[in-house]
Amino acid sequence: PAQAQNVRLRIVGEREPIVPGDPNANADPDGDGV
């Protein structure tokens, strides 16, 4: 629950590597770059 709450917004670049356990939101499932 702590990892899914109060998550810092970050702009995601193209083809960024997957980093499991990253404290920041590093995925963009809706494709808007955020």
PDB file of all heavy atoms in Angstrom:
ATOM      1  N   PRO A   1       0.818  -1.227   0.000  1.00  0.00           N
ATOM      2  CA  PRO A   1       0.000   0.000   0.000  1.00  0.00           C
ATOM      3  C   PRO A   1       0.847   1.269   0.000  1.00  0.00           C
ATOM      4  O   PRO A   1       0.478   2.261  -0.629  1.00  0.00           O
ATOM      5  CB  PRO A   1      -0.815  -0.144   1.286  1.00  0.00           C
ATOM      6  CG  PRO A   1      -0.908  -1.616   1.525  1.00  0.00           C
ATOM      7  CD  PRO A   1       0.402  -2.171   1.048  1.00  0.00           C
ATOM      8  N   ALA A   2       2.001   1.232   0.669  1.00  0.00           N
ATOM      9  CA  ALA A   2       2.848   2.427   0.692  1.00  0.00           C
ATOM     10  C   ALA A   2       3.444   2.718  -0.676  1.00  0.00           C
ATOM     11  O   ALA A   2       3.632   3.886  -1.039  1.00  0.00           O
ATOM     12  CB  ALA A   2       3.959   2.246   1.735  1.00  0.00           C
ATOM     13  N   GLN A   3       3.739   1.677  -1.460  1.00  0.00           N
ATOM     14  CA  GLN A   3       4.313   1.883  -2.788  1.00  0.00           C
ATOM     15  C   GLN A   3       3.292   2.422  -3.785  1.00  0.00           C
ATOM     16  O   GLN A   3       3.680   2.999  -4.811  1.00  0.00           O
ATOM     17  CB  GLN A   3       4.893   0.576  -3.316  1.00  0.00           C
ATOM     18  CG  GLN A   3       6.138   0.110  -2.583  1.00  0.00           C
ATOM     19  CD  GLN A   3       6.610  -1.244  -3.086  1.00  0.00           C
ATOM     20  OE1 GLN A   3       5.810  -2.142  -3.347  1.00  0.00           O
ATOM     21  NE2 GLN A   3       7.920  -1.397  -3.226  1.00  0.00           N
ATOM     22  N   ALA A   4       2.011   2.218  -3.523  1.00  0.00           N
ATOM     23  CA  ALA A   4       0.964   2.667  -4.442  1.00  0.00           C
ATOM     24  C   ALA A   4       0.350   3.995  -4.027  1.00  0.00           C
ATOM     25  O   ALA A   4      -0.517   4.512  -4.732  1.00  0.00           O
ATOM     26  CB  ALA A   4      -0.138   1.605  -4.540  1.00  0.00           C
ATOM     27  N   GLN A   5       0.788   4.562  -2.918  1.00  0.00           N
ATOM     28  CA  GLN A   5       0.250   5.817  -2.429  1.00  0.00           C
ATOM     29  C   GLN A   5       1.312   6.909  -2.518  1.00  0.00           C
ATOM     30  O   GLN A   5       2.511   6.657  -2.322  1.00  0.00           O
ATOM     31  CB  GLN A   5      -0.205   5.667  -0.966  1.00  0.00           C
ATOM     32  CG  GLN A   5      -1.295   4.634  -0.741  1.00  0.00           C
ATOM     33  CD  GLN A   5      -2.667   5.167  -1.078  1.00  0.00           C
ATOM     34  OE1 GLN A   5      -2.884   6.378  -1.107  1.00  0.00           O
ATOM     35  NE2 GLN A   5      -3.610   4.268  -1.316  1.00  0.00           N
ATOM     36  N   ASN A   6       0.846   8.128  -2.819  1.00  0.00           N
ATOM     37  CA  ASN A   6       1.727   9.302  -2.809  1.00  0.00           C
ATOM     38  C   ASN A   6       2.952   9.078  -3.704  1.00  0.00           C
ATOM     39  O   ASN A   6       4.102   9.253  -3.300  1.00  0.00           O
ATOM     40  CB  ASN A   6       2.156   9.628  -1.373  1.00  0.00           C
ATOM     41  CG  ASN A   6       2.729  11.036  -1.254  1.00  0.00           C
ATOM     42  OD1 ASN A   6       2.379  11.936  -2.012  1.00  0.00           O
ATOM     43  ND2 ASN A   6       3.619  11.209  -0.292  1.00  0.00           N
ATOM     44  N   VAL A   7       2.717   8.702  -4.932  1.00  0.00           N
ATOM     45  CA  VAL A   7       3.786   8.361  -5.886  1.00  0.00           C
ATOM     46  C   VAL A   7       4.183   9.599  -6.675  1.00  0.00           C
ATOM     47  O   VAL A   7       3.327  10.290  -7.238  1.00  0.00           O
ATOM     48  CB  VAL A   7       3.319   7.239  -6.832  1.00  0.00           C
ATOM     49  CG1 VAL A   7       4.417   6.900  -7.828  1.00  0.00           C
ATOM     50  CG2 VAL A   7       2.919   6.007  -6.035  1.00  0.00           C
ATOM     51  N   ARG A   8       5.476   9.866  -6.727  1.00  0.00           N
ATOM     52  CA  ARG A   8       5.963  11.049  -7.427  1.00  0.00           C
ATOM     53  C   ARG A   8       5.766  10.915  -8.923  1.00  0.00           C
ATOM     54  O   ARG A   8       6.077   9.880  -9.507  1.00  0.00           O
ATOM     55  CB  ARG A   8       7.439  11.283  -7.117  1.00  0.00           C
ATOM     56  CG  ARG A   8       7.980  12.612  -7.674  1.00  0.00           C
ATOM     57  CD  ARG A   8       9.355  12.913  -7.111  1.00  0.00           C
ATOM     58  NE  ARG A   8      10.348  11.979  -7.613  1.00  0.00           N
ATOM     59  CZ  ARG A   8      11.050  12.193  -8.722  1.00  0.00           C
ATOM     60  NH1 ARG A   8      10.837  13.287  -9.457  1.00  0.00           N
ATOM     61  NH2 ARG A   8      11.952  11.326  -9.123  1.00  0.00           N
ATOM     62  N   LEU A   9       5.261  11.968  -9.546  1.00  0.00           N
ATOM     63  CA  LEU A   9       5.039  11.985 -10.994  1.00  0.00           C
ATOM     64  C   LEU A   9       6.374  12.228 -11.695  1.00  0.00           C
ATOM     65  O   LEU A   9       7.165  13.068 -11.275  1.00  0.00           O
ATOM     66  CB  LEU A   9       4.033  13.068 -11.352  1.00  0.00           C
ATOM     67  CG  LEU A   9       3.596  13.192 -12.805  1.00  0.00           C
ATOM     68  CD1 LEU A   9       2.168  13.734 -12.874  1.00  0.00           C
ATOM     69  CD2 LEU A   9       4.510  14.126 -13.598  1.00  0.00           C
ATOM     70  N   ARG A  10       6.603  11.503 -12.774  1.00  0.00           N
ATOM     71  CA  ARG A  10       7.828  11.656 -13.538  1.00  0.00           C
ATOM     72  C   ARG A  10       7.532  11.441 -15.014  1.00  0.00           C
ATOM     73  O   ARG A  10       6.736  10.582 -15.371  1.00  0.00           O
ATOM     74  CB  ARG A  10       8.884  10.656 -13.071  1.00  0.00           C
ATOM     75  CG  ARG A  10      10.236  10.844 -13.716  1.00  0.00           C
ATOM     76  CD  ARG A  10      11.266   9.943 -13.044  1.00  0.00           C
ATOM     77  NE  ARG A  10      10.945   8.535 -13.232  1.00  0.00           N
ATOM     78  CZ  ARG A  10      11.341   7.826 -14.296  1.00  0.00           C
ATOM     79  NH1 ARG A  10      12.023   8.404 -15.253  1.00  0.00           N
ATOM     80  NH2 ARG A  10      11.034   6.555 -14.400  1.00  0.00           N
ATOM     81  N   ILE A  11       8.158  12.252 -15.872  1.00  0.00           N
ATOM     82  CA  ILE A  11       8.007  12.093 -17.309  1.00  0.00           C
ATOM     83  C   ILE A  11       8.822  10.877 -17.747  1.00  0.00           C
ATOM     84  O   ILE A  11       9.988  10.732 -17.389  1.00  0.00           O
ATOM     85  CB  ILE A  11       8.468  13.352 -18.061  1.00  0.00           C
ATOM     86  CG1 ILE A  11       7.673  14.574 -17.575  1.00  0.00           C
ATOM     87  CG2 ILE A  11       8.309  13.175 -19.555  1.00  0.00           C
ATOM     88  CD1 ILE A  11       6.183  14.451 -17.766  1.00  0.00           C
ATOM     89  N   VAL A  12       8.201  10.015 -18.533  1.00  0.00           N
ATOM     90  CA  VAL A  12       8.822   8.759 -18.945  1.00  0.00           C
ATOM     91  C   VAL A  12       9.297   8.895 -20.379  1.00  0.00           C
ATOM     92  O   VAL A  12       8.545   9.312 -21.268  1.00  0.00           O
ATOM     93  CB  VAL A  12       7.821   7.589 -18.815  1.00  0.00           C
ATOM     94  CG1 VAL A  12       8.454   6.297 -19.300  1.00  0.00           C
ATOM     95  CG2 VAL A  12       7.371   7.453 -17.373  1.00  0.00           C
ATOM     96  N   GLY A  13      10.559   8.536 -20.628  1.00  0.00           N
ATOM     97  CA  GLY A  13      11.097   8.546 -21.976  1.00  0.00           C
ATOM     98  C   GLY A  13      10.769   7.259 -22.712  1.00  0.00           C
ATOM     99  O   GLY A  13      10.226   6.305 -22.142  1.00  0.00           O
ATOM    100  N   GLU A  14      11.084   7.234 -23.997  1.00  0.00           N
ATOM    101  CA  GLU A  14      10.811   6.058 -24.808  1.00  0.00           C
ATOM    102  C   GLU A  14      11.839   4.958 -24.512  1.00  0.00           C
ATOM    103  O   GLU A  14      13.026   5.228 -24.357  1.00  0.00           O
ATOM    104  CB  GLU A  14      10.841   6.406 -26.293  1.00  0.00           C
ATOM    105  CG  GLU A  14       9.739   7.368 -26.720  1.00  0.00           C
ATOM    106  CD  GLU A  14       9.747   7.606 -28.207  1.00  0.00           C
ATOM    107  OE1 GLU A  14      10.609   7.016 -28.890  1.00  0.00           O
ATOM    108  OE2 GLU A  14       8.910   8.385 -28.687  1.00  0.00           O
ATOM    109  N   ARG A  15      11.332   3.723 -24.416  1.00  0.00           N
ATOM    110  CA  ARG A  15      12.174   2.539 -24.227  1.00  0.00           C
ATOM    111  C   ARG A  15      13.034   2.617 -22.971  1.00  0.00           C
ATOM    112  O   ARG A  15      14.204   2.232 -22.966  1.00  0.00           O
ATOM    113  CB  ARG A  15      13.051   2.293 -25.461  1.00  0.00           C
ATOM    114  CG  ARG A  15      12.246   2.055 -26.729  1.00  0.00           C
ATOM    115  CD  ARG A  15      13.156   1.733 -27.893  1.00  0.00           C
ATOM    116  NE  ARG A  15      12.400   1.499 -29.110  1.00  0.00           N
ATOM    117  CZ  ARG A  15      11.845   0.341 -29.451  1.00  0.00           C
ATOM    118  NH1 ARG A  15      11.980  -0.703 -28.647  1.00  0.00           N
ATOM    119  NH2 ARG A  15      11.175   0.214 -30.585  1.00  0.00           N
ATOM    120  N   GLU A  16      12.446   3.151 -21.914  1.00  0.00           N
ATOM    121  CA  GLU A  16      13.184   3.142 -20.654  1.00  0.00           C
ATOM    122  C   GLU A  16      13.244   1.727 -20.100  1.00  0.00           C
ATOM    123  O   GLU A  16      12.297   0.954 -20.238  1.00  0.00           O
ATOM    124  CB  GLU A  16      12.518   4.074 -19.640  1.00  0.00           C
ATOM    125  CG  GLU A  16      12.772   5.538 -19.886  1.00  0.00           C
ATOM    126  CD  GLU A  16      12.453   6.378 -18.666  1.00  0.00           C
ATOM    127  OE1 GLU A  16      12.047   5.798 -17.640  1.00  0.00           O
ATOM    128  OE2 GLU A  16      12.605   7.610 -18.734  1.00  0.00           O
ATOM    129  N   PRO A  17      14.358   1.359 -19.470  1.00  0.00           N
ATOM    130  CA  PRO A  17      14.446   0.004 -18.914  1.00  0.00           C
ATOM    131  C   PRO A  17      13.490  -0.187 -17.745  1.00  0.00           C
ATOM    132  O   PRO A  17      13.152   0.769 -17.034  1.00  0.00           O
ATOM    133  CB  PRO A  17      15.912  -0.084 -18.458  1.00  0.00           C
ATOM    134  CG  PRO A  17      16.324   1.337 -18.221  1.00  0.00           C
ATOM    135  CD  PRO A  17      15.585   2.154 -19.239  1.00  0.00           C
ATOM    136  N   ILE A  18      13.051  -1.413 -17.568  1.00  0.00           N
ATOM    137  CA  ILE A  18      12.167  -1.751 -16.456  1.00  0.00           C
ATOM    138  C   ILE A  18      13.015  -1.933 -15.207  1.00  0.00           C
ATOM    139  O   ILE A  18      13.958  -2.729 -15.193  1.00  0.00           O
ATOM    140  CB  ILE A  18      11.367  -3.026 -16.761  1.00  0.00           C
ATOM    141  CG1 ILE A  18      10.468  -2.796 -17.981  1.00  0.00           C
ATOM    142  CG2 ILE A  18      10.543  -3.452 -15.561  1.00  0.00           C
ATOM    143  CD1 ILE A  18       9.710  -4.041 -18.406  1.00  0.00           C
ATOM    144  N   VAL A  19      12.675  -1.179 -14.171  1.00  0.00           N
ATOM    145  CA  VAL A  19      13.401  -1.251 -12.912  1.00  0.00           C
ATOM    146  C   VAL A  19      12.398  -1.648 -11.827  1.00  0.00           C
ATOM    147  O   VAL A  19      11.687  -0.797 -11.297  1.00  0.00           O
ATOM    148  CB  VAL A  19      14.076   0.089 -12.559  1.00  0.00           C
ATOM    149  CG1 VAL A  19      14.871  -0.051 -11.266  1.00  0.00           C
ATOM    150  CG2 VAL A  19      14.964   0.556 -13.698  1.00  0.00           C
ATOM    151  N   PRO A  20      12.303  -2.936 -11.496  1.00  0.00           N
ATOM    152  CA  PRO A  20      11.353  -3.357 -10.452  1.00  0.00           C
ATOM    153  C   PRO A  20      11.704  -2.705  -9.113  1.00  0.00           C
ATOM    154  O   PRO A  20      12.866  -2.564  -8.746  1.00  0.00           O
ATOM    155  CB  PRO A  20      11.540  -4.875 -10.406  1.00  0.00           C
ATOM    156  CG  PRO A  20      12.151  -5.230 -11.721  1.00  0.00           C
ATOM    157  CD  PRO A  20      13.003  -4.062 -12.098  1.00  0.00           C
ATOM    158  N   GLY A  21      10.677  -2.293  -8.393  1.00  0.00           N
ATOM    159  CA  GLY A  21      10.885  -1.678  -7.094  1.00  0.00           C
ATOM    160  C   GLY A  21      11.318  -0.236  -7.146  1.00  0.00           C
ATOM    161  O   GLY A  21      11.739   0.319  -6.127  1.00  0.00           O
ATOM    162  N   ASP A  22      11.245   0.401  -8.321  1.00  0.00           N
ATOM    163  CA  ASP A  22      11.599   1.807  -8.439  1.00  0.00           C
ATOM    164  C   ASP A  22      10.664   2.630  -7.559  1.00  0.00           C
ATOM    165  O   ASP A  22       9.435   2.503  -7.658  1.00  0.00           O
ATOM    166  CB  ASP A  22      11.466   2.245  -9.896  1.00  0.00           C
ATOM    167  CG  ASP A  22      12.035   3.643 -10.138  1.00  0.00           C
ATOM    168  OD1 ASP A  22      12.341   4.330  -9.145  1.00  0.00           O
ATOM    169  OD2 ASP A  22      12.161   4.031 -11.298  1.00  0.00           O
ATOM    170  N   PRO A  23      11.165   3.471  -6.681  1.00  0.00           N
ATOM    171  CA  PRO A  23      10.271   4.256  -5.817  1.00  0.00           C
ATOM    172  C   PRO A  23       9.442   5.274  -6.574  1.00  0.00           C
ATOM    173  O   PRO A  23       8.468   5.796  -6.027  1.00  0.00           O
ATOM    174  CB  PRO A  23      11.241   4.946  -4.843  1.00  0.00           C
ATOM    175  CG  PRO A  23      12.553   4.971  -5.565  1.00  0.00           C
ATOM    176  CD  PRO A  23      12.581   3.713  -6.388  1.00  0.00           C
ATOM    177  N   ASN A  24       9.807   5.575  -7.809  1.00  0.00           N
ATOM    178  CA  ASN A  24       9.036   6.515  -8.625  1.00  0.00           C
ATOM    179  C   ASN A  24       8.214   5.748  -9.655  1.00  0.00           C
ATOM    180  O   ASN A  24       8.548   4.631 -10.039  1.00  0.00           O
ATOM    181  CB  ASN A  24       9.961   7.499  -9.335  1.00  0.00           C
ATOM    182  CG  ASN A  24      10.828   8.266  -8.356  1.00  0.00           C
ATOM    183  OD1 ASN A  24      10.351   8.678  -7.302  1.00  0.00           O
ATOM    184  ND2 ASN A  24      12.093   8.435  -8.682  1.00  0.00           N
ATOM    185  N   ALA A  25       7.130   6.358 -10.092  1.00  0.00           N
ATOM    186  CA  ALA A  25       6.309   5.746 -11.138  1.00  0.00           C
ATOM    187  C   ALA A  25       7.076   5.799 -12.447  1.00  0.00           C
ATOM    188  O   ALA A  25       7.308   6.869 -13.004  1.00  0.00           O
ATOM    189  CB  ALA A  25       4.972   6.468 -11.267  1.00  0.00           C
ATOM    190  N   ASN A  26       7.495   4.671 -12.956  1.00  0.00           N
ATOM    191  CA  ASN A  26       8.340   4.653 -14.146  1.00  0.00           C
ATOM    192  C   ASN A  26       7.680   3.966 -15.324  1.00  0.00           C
ATOM    193  O   ASN A  26       8.342   3.565 -16.255  1.00  0.00           O
ATOM    194  CB  ASN A  26       9.666   3.942 -13.850  1.00  0.00           C
ATOM    195  CG  ASN A  26       9.467   2.468 -13.525  1.00  0.00           C
ATOM    196  OD1 ASN A  26       8.433   2.076 -13.015  1.00  0.00           O
ATOM    197  ND2 ASN A  26      10.461   1.644 -13.814  1.00  0.00           N
ATOM    198  N   ALA A  27       6.365   3.815 -15.290  1.00  0.00           N
ATOM    199  CA  ALA A  27       5.643   3.185 -16.394  1.00  0.00           C
ATOM    200  C   ALA A  27       4.552   4.118 -16.892  1.00  0.00           C
ATOM    201  O   ALA A  27       4.015   4.926 -16.135  1.00  0.00           O
ATOM    202  CB  ALA A  27       5.038   1.846 -15.953  1.00  0.00           C
ATOM    203  N   ASP A  28       4.238   3.995 -18.175  1.00  0.00           N
ATOM    204  CA  ASP A  28       3.250   4.862 -18.811  1.00  0.00           C
ATOM    205  C   ASP A  28       2.266   4.007 -19.602  1.00  0.00           C
ATOM    206  O   ASP A  28       2.362   3.922 -20.829  1.00  0.00           O
ATOM    207  CB  ASP A  28       3.957   5.871 -19.720  1.00  0.00           C
ATOM    208  CG  ASP A  28       2.989   6.785 -20.441  1.00  0.00           C
ATOM    209  OD1 ASP A  28       1.878   6.999 -19.922  1.00  0.00           O
ATOM    210  OD2 ASP A  28       3.335   7.270 -21.536  1.00  0.00           O
ATOM    211  N   PRO A  29       1.326   3.347 -18.941  1.00  0.00           N
ATOM    212  CA  PRO A  29       0.431   2.435 -19.667  1.00  0.00           C
ATOM    213  C   PRO A  29      -0.524   3.122 -20.633  1.00  0.00           C
ATOM    214  O   PRO A  29      -0.977   2.497 -21.584  1.00  0.00           O
ATOM    215  CB  PRO A  29      -0.333   1.724 -18.538  1.00  0.00           C
ATOM    216  CG  PRO A  29      -0.248   2.639 -17.372  1.00  0.00           C
ATOM    217  CD  PRO A  29       1.065   3.343 -17.490  1.00  0.00           C
ATOM    218  N   ASP A  30      -0.877   4.391 -20.406  1.00  0.00           N
ATOM    219  CA  ASP A  30      -1.812   5.054 -21.309  1.00  0.00           C
ATOM    220  C   ASP A  30      -1.117   5.838 -22.409  1.00  0.00           C
ATOM    221  O   ASP A  30      -1.781   6.454 -23.241  1.00  0.00           O
ATOM    222  CB  ASP A  30      -2.766   5.973 -20.530  1.00  0.00           C
ATOM    223  CG  ASP A  30      -2.021   6.917 -19.596  1.00  0.00           C
ATOM    224  OD1 ASP A  30      -0.777   6.951 -19.667  1.00  0.00           O
ATOM    225  OD2 ASP A  30      -2.686   7.606 -18.803  1.00  0.00           O
ATOM    226  N   GLY A  31       0.212   5.852 -22.437  1.00  0.00           N
ATOM    227  CA  GLY A  31       0.945   6.415 -23.560  1.00  0.00           C
ATOM    228  C   GLY A  31       0.943   7.912 -23.683  1.00  0.00           C
ATOM    229  O   GLY A  31       1.169   8.436 -24.782  1.00  0.00           O
ATOM    230  N   ASP A  32       0.738   8.659 -22.587  1.00  0.00           N
ATOM    231  CA  ASP A  32       0.744  10.113 -22.668  1.00  0.00           C
ATOM    232  C   ASP A  32       2.071  10.719 -22.242  1.00  0.00           C
ATOM    233  O   ASP A  32       2.214  11.938 -22.171  1.00  0.00           O
ATOM    234  CB  ASP A  32      -0.384  10.702 -21.825  1.00  0.00           C
ATOM    235  CG  ASP A  32      -0.284  10.300 -20.355  1.00  0.00           C
ATOM    236  OD1 ASP A  32       0.642   9.543 -20.000  1.00  0.00           O
ATOM    237  OD2 ASP A  32      -1.154  10.742 -19.570  1.00  0.00           O
ATOM    238  N   GLY A  33       3.062   9.878 -21.950  1.00  0.00           N
ATOM    239  CA  GLY A  33       4.373  10.368 -21.574  1.00  0.00           C
ATOM    240  C   GLY A  33       4.555  10.646 -20.096  1.00  0.00           C
ATOM    241  O   GLY A  33       5.653  11.007 -19.671  1.00  0.00           O
ATOM    242  N   VAL A  34       3.509  10.495 -19.306  1.00  0.00           N
ATOM    243  CA  VAL A  34       3.566  10.768 -17.872  1.00  0.00           C
ATOM    244  C   VAL A  34       3.597   9.441 -17.125  1.00  0.00           C
ATOM    245  O   VAL A  34       2.741   8.570 -17.344  1.00  0.00           O
ATOM    246  CB  VAL A  34       2.363  11.616 -17.417  1.00  0.00           C
ATOM    247  CG1 VAL A  34       2.410  11.851 -15.910  1.00  0.00           C
ATOM    248  CG2 VAL A  34       2.347  12.943 -18.161  1.00  0.00           C
TER     249      VAL A  34
END
